[in-house]
């Protein structure tokens, strides 16, 4: 610890990557954990250099039940420790169907003919669990040609507000 940092009353806690790992393990085990439960998981790791075992999970790196994961998703909580976004194409103008299909073909890496069929059978999932920048870029691309895109934001943690795109 540098002397200047100590003079300011700062101390070491966990490396950033370890801090993130502890949050990820806690979230994977209990996706609807409270802020206090995340804090306790961090304290436990700091004290014991081991992930905290969560009651009902057989192994420290195990996952929550399918029901717990579904409940988290229903509550608007995504899988990771960062906000994520799902995008759906809801509508496109008839005169823009070809341009929309070309964008879908590029995005999904499929032939244009297959993309055209997908565009005719809306709604169409454009992306799932996307980071903010990727979701915004895709949304902008489709809205530039007049397509209607629905964005669903998933918050990182239960106590946060749902994220939005501009």
Protein backbone atom coordinates (compact mmCIF):
# COMPACT_ATOMS: atom_id res chain seq x y z
CA UNK A 1 0.00 0.00 0.00
CA UNK A 2 1.54 3.35 -1.01
CA UNK A 3 2.22 5.71 1.90
CA UNK A 4 0.16 8.50 0.27
CA UNK A 5 -2.86 6.23 0.14
CA UNK A 6 -2.42 5.14 3.74
CA UNK A 7 -2.14 8.81 4.79
CA UNK A 8 -5.58 9.39 3.27
CA UNK A 9 -7.01 6.54 5.34
CA UNK A 10 -7.30 4.18 2.37
CA UNK A 11 -6.62 0.48 2.64
CA UNK A 12 -6.62 -2.50 0.34
CA UNK A 13 -9.71 -4.64 0.02
CA UNK A 14 -9.96 -6.84 -3.07
CA UNK A 15 -8.53 -6.58 -6.55
CA UNK A 16 -11.16 -5.34 -9.04
CA UNK A 17 -11.30 -8.68 -10.89
CA UNK A 18 -11.78 -10.58 -7.63
CA UNK A 19 -14.42 -8.09 -6.52
CA UNK A 20 -16.33 -8.69 -9.78
CA UNK A 21 -15.92 -12.48 -9.42
CA UNK A 22 -17.44 -12.40 -5.94
CA UNK A 23 -20.42 -10.42 -7.25
CA UNK A 24 -20.85 -12.81 -10.18
CA UNK A 25 -20.77 -15.92 -7.98
CA UNK A 26 -23.27 -14.41 -5.54
CA UNK A 27 -25.56 -13.43 -8.40
CA UNK A 28 -25.29 -16.84 -10.06
CA UNK A 29 -26.26 -18.48 -6.77
CA UNK A 30 -28.95 -16.00 -5.70
CA UNK A 31 -29.89 -13.63 -8.54
CA UNK A 32 -32.24 -11.57 -6.36
CA UNK A 33 -29.72 -10.99 -3.56
CA UNK A 34 -30.01 -7.74 -1.63
CA UNK A 35 -27.25 -5.17 -1.41
CA UNK A 36 -26.52 -6.43 2.12
CA UNK A 37 -26.13 -10.02 0.84
CA UNK A 38 -23.62 -8.87 -1.81
CA UNK A 39 -21.73 -6.94 0.86
CA UNK A 40 -21.66 -10.02 3.09
CA UNK A 41 -20.31 -12.12 0.20
CA UNK A 42 -17.51 -9.58 -0.28
CA UNK A 43 -16.69 -9.53 3.44
CA UNK A 44 -16.66 -13.34 3.51
CA UNK A 45 -14.26 -13.53 0.56
CA UNK A 46 -12.02 -10.86 2.10
CA UNK A 47 -11.87 -12.75 5.41
CA UNK A 48 -11.63 -16.35 4.16
CA UNK A 49 -10.27 -16.05 0.60
CA UNK A 50 -13.17 -18.24 -0.50
CA UNK A 51 -16.58 -17.73 -2.02
CA UNK A 52 -19.43 -17.76 0.46
CA UNK A 53 -21.57 -20.84 0.24
CA UNK A 54 -25.22 -20.00 -0.19
CA UNK A 55 -27.80 -22.19 1.51
CA UNK A 56 -29.57 -24.43 -0.98
CA UNK A 57 -26.67 -24.44 -3.45
CA UNK A 58 -24.59 -27.62 -3.36
CA UNK A 59 -21.30 -26.12 -4.53
CA UNK A 60 -19.85 -22.65 -4.11
CA UNK A 61 -19.83 -22.17 -7.87
CA UNK A 62 -23.26 -23.73 -8.43
CA UNK A 63 -26.23 -21.95 -9.94
CA UNK A 64 -29.57 -20.88 -8.59
CA UNK A 65 -32.58 -23.00 -9.42
CA UNK A 66 -34.40 -22.45 -12.69
CA UNK A 67 -37.28 -20.98 -10.69
CA UNK A 68 -34.97 -18.43 -9.01
CA UNK A 69 -33.46 -17.46 -12.38
CA UNK A 70 -36.94 -17.07 -13.89
CA UNK A 71 -38.06 -14.96 -10.92
CA UNK A 72 -35.04 -12.70 -11.41
CA UNK A 73 -35.78 -12.30 -15.12
CA UNK A 74 -39.43 -11.55 -14.33
CA UNK A 75 -38.19 -8.88 -11.90
CA UNK A 76 -36.11 -7.36 -14.70
CA UNK A 77 -32.75 -8.60 -13.45
CA UNK A 78 -30.31 -9.81 -16.11
CA UNK A 79 -27.84 -12.66 -15.84
CA UNK A 80 -24.59 -10.69 -15.54
CA UNK A 81 -23.26 -7.96 -13.29
CA UNK A 82 -23.84 -5.28 -15.94
CA UNK A 83 -27.04 -3.99 -17.53
CA UNK A 84 -28.15 -5.93 -20.59
CA UNK A 85 -30.73 -5.49 -23.31
CA UNK A 86 -32.99 -7.63 -25.48
CA UNK A 87 -34.11 -6.18 -28.81
CA UNK A 88 -37.11 -7.24 -30.89
CA UNK A 89 -38.09 -6.05 -34.33
CA UNK A 90 -41.81 -5.34 -34.11
CA UNK A 91 -42.59 -3.70 -37.45
CA UNK A 92 -41.09 -2.37 -40.63
CA UNK A 93 -42.63 -0.41 -43.46
CA UNK A 94 -43.44 -2.38 -46.60
CA UNK A 95 -41.20 -0.12 -48.68
CA UNK A 96 -38.30 -0.87 -46.28
CA UNK A 97 -38.77 -4.65 -46.10
CA UNK A 98 -35.78 -5.34 -48.35
CA UNK A 99 -33.48 -3.01 -46.42
CA UNK A 100 -34.69 -4.48 -43.13
CA UNK A 101 -34.11 -8.03 -44.38
CA UNK A 102 -30.59 -7.08 -45.47
CA UNK A 103 -29.82 -5.76 -41.98
CA UNK A 104 -31.32 -8.87 -40.37
CA UNK A 105 -29.28 -11.10 -42.71
CA UNK A 106 -26.08 -9.31 -41.73
CA UNK A 107 -26.92 -9.30 -38.02
CA UNK A 108 -27.96 -12.96 -37.83
CA UNK A 109 -25.48 -14.15 -40.46
CA UNK A 110 -28.15 -15.82 -42.59
CA UNK A 111 -29.03 -15.57 -46.30
CA UNK A 112 -31.21 -12.61 -47.26
CA UNK A 113 -34.03 -14.94 -48.32
CA UNK A 114 -34.17 -16.48 -44.86
CA UNK A 115 -33.98 -13.02 -43.28
CA UNK A 116 -36.86 -11.87 -45.48
CA UNK A 117 -39.00 -14.77 -44.25
CA UNK A 118 -38.11 -13.85 -40.65
CA UNK A 119 -39.06 -10.21 -41.28
CA UNK A 120 -42.45 -11.28 -42.60
CA UNK A 121 -43.12 -13.31 -39.44
CA UNK A 122 -42.67 -10.55 -36.86
CA UNK A 123 -41.88 -10.11 -34.04
CA UNK A 124 -38.23 -11.06 -34.50
CA UNK A 125 -35.59 -11.27 -31.80
CA UNK A 126 -32.68 -9.12 -32.96
CA UNK A 127 -30.44 -9.69 -29.96
CA UNK A 128 -30.49 -11.00 -26.42
CA UNK A 129 -28.41 -10.04 -23.37
CA UNK A 130 -26.59 -7.35 -25.34
CA UNK A 131 -24.38 -4.75 -23.74
CA UNK A 132 -25.50 -1.12 -23.93
CA UNK A 133 -23.26 -0.09 -26.84
CA UNK A 134 -24.15 -3.06 -29.03
CA UNK A 135 -27.87 -2.72 -28.29
CA UNK A 136 -27.81 1.00 -29.08
CA UNK A 137 -25.97 0.42 -32.37
CA UNK A 138 -28.47 -2.23 -33.51
CA UNK A 139 -31.45 -0.13 -32.46
CA UNK A 140 -30.10 2.92 -34.30
CA UNK A 141 -29.42 0.86 -37.43
CA UNK A 142 -32.98 -0.42 -37.67
CA UNK A 143 -34.71 2.78 -36.61
CA UNK A 144 -32.74 4.68 -39.28
CA UNK A 145 -34.81 2.82 -41.90
CA UNK A 146 -38.07 3.31 -40.05
CA UNK A 147 -38.29 -0.08 -38.35
CA UNK A 148 -39.92 -0.33 -34.94
CA UNK A 149 -37.62 -1.87 -32.35
CA UNK A 150 -38.69 -2.80 -28.83
CA UNK A 151 -35.98 -2.58 -26.19
CA UNK A 152 -36.17 -4.40 -22.89
CA UNK A 153 -33.51 -3.43 -20.39
CA UNK A 154 -32.38 -5.74 -17.61
CA UNK A 155 -30.77 -4.29 -14.52
CA UNK A 156 -27.63 -5.73 -13.05
CA UNK A 157 -28.94 -5.98 -9.49
CA UNK A 158 -32.41 -6.16 -7.98
CA UNK A 159 -32.22 -2.82 -6.16
CA UNK A 160 -31.34 -0.84 -9.33
CA UNK A 161 -33.66 0.90 -11.77
CA UNK A 162 -34.23 -0.71 -15.17
CA UNK A 163 -31.69 0.55 -17.71
CA UNK A 164 -32.76 2.33 -20.87
CA UNK A 165 -31.24 3.26 -24.19
CA UNK A 166 -31.47 6.75 -25.56
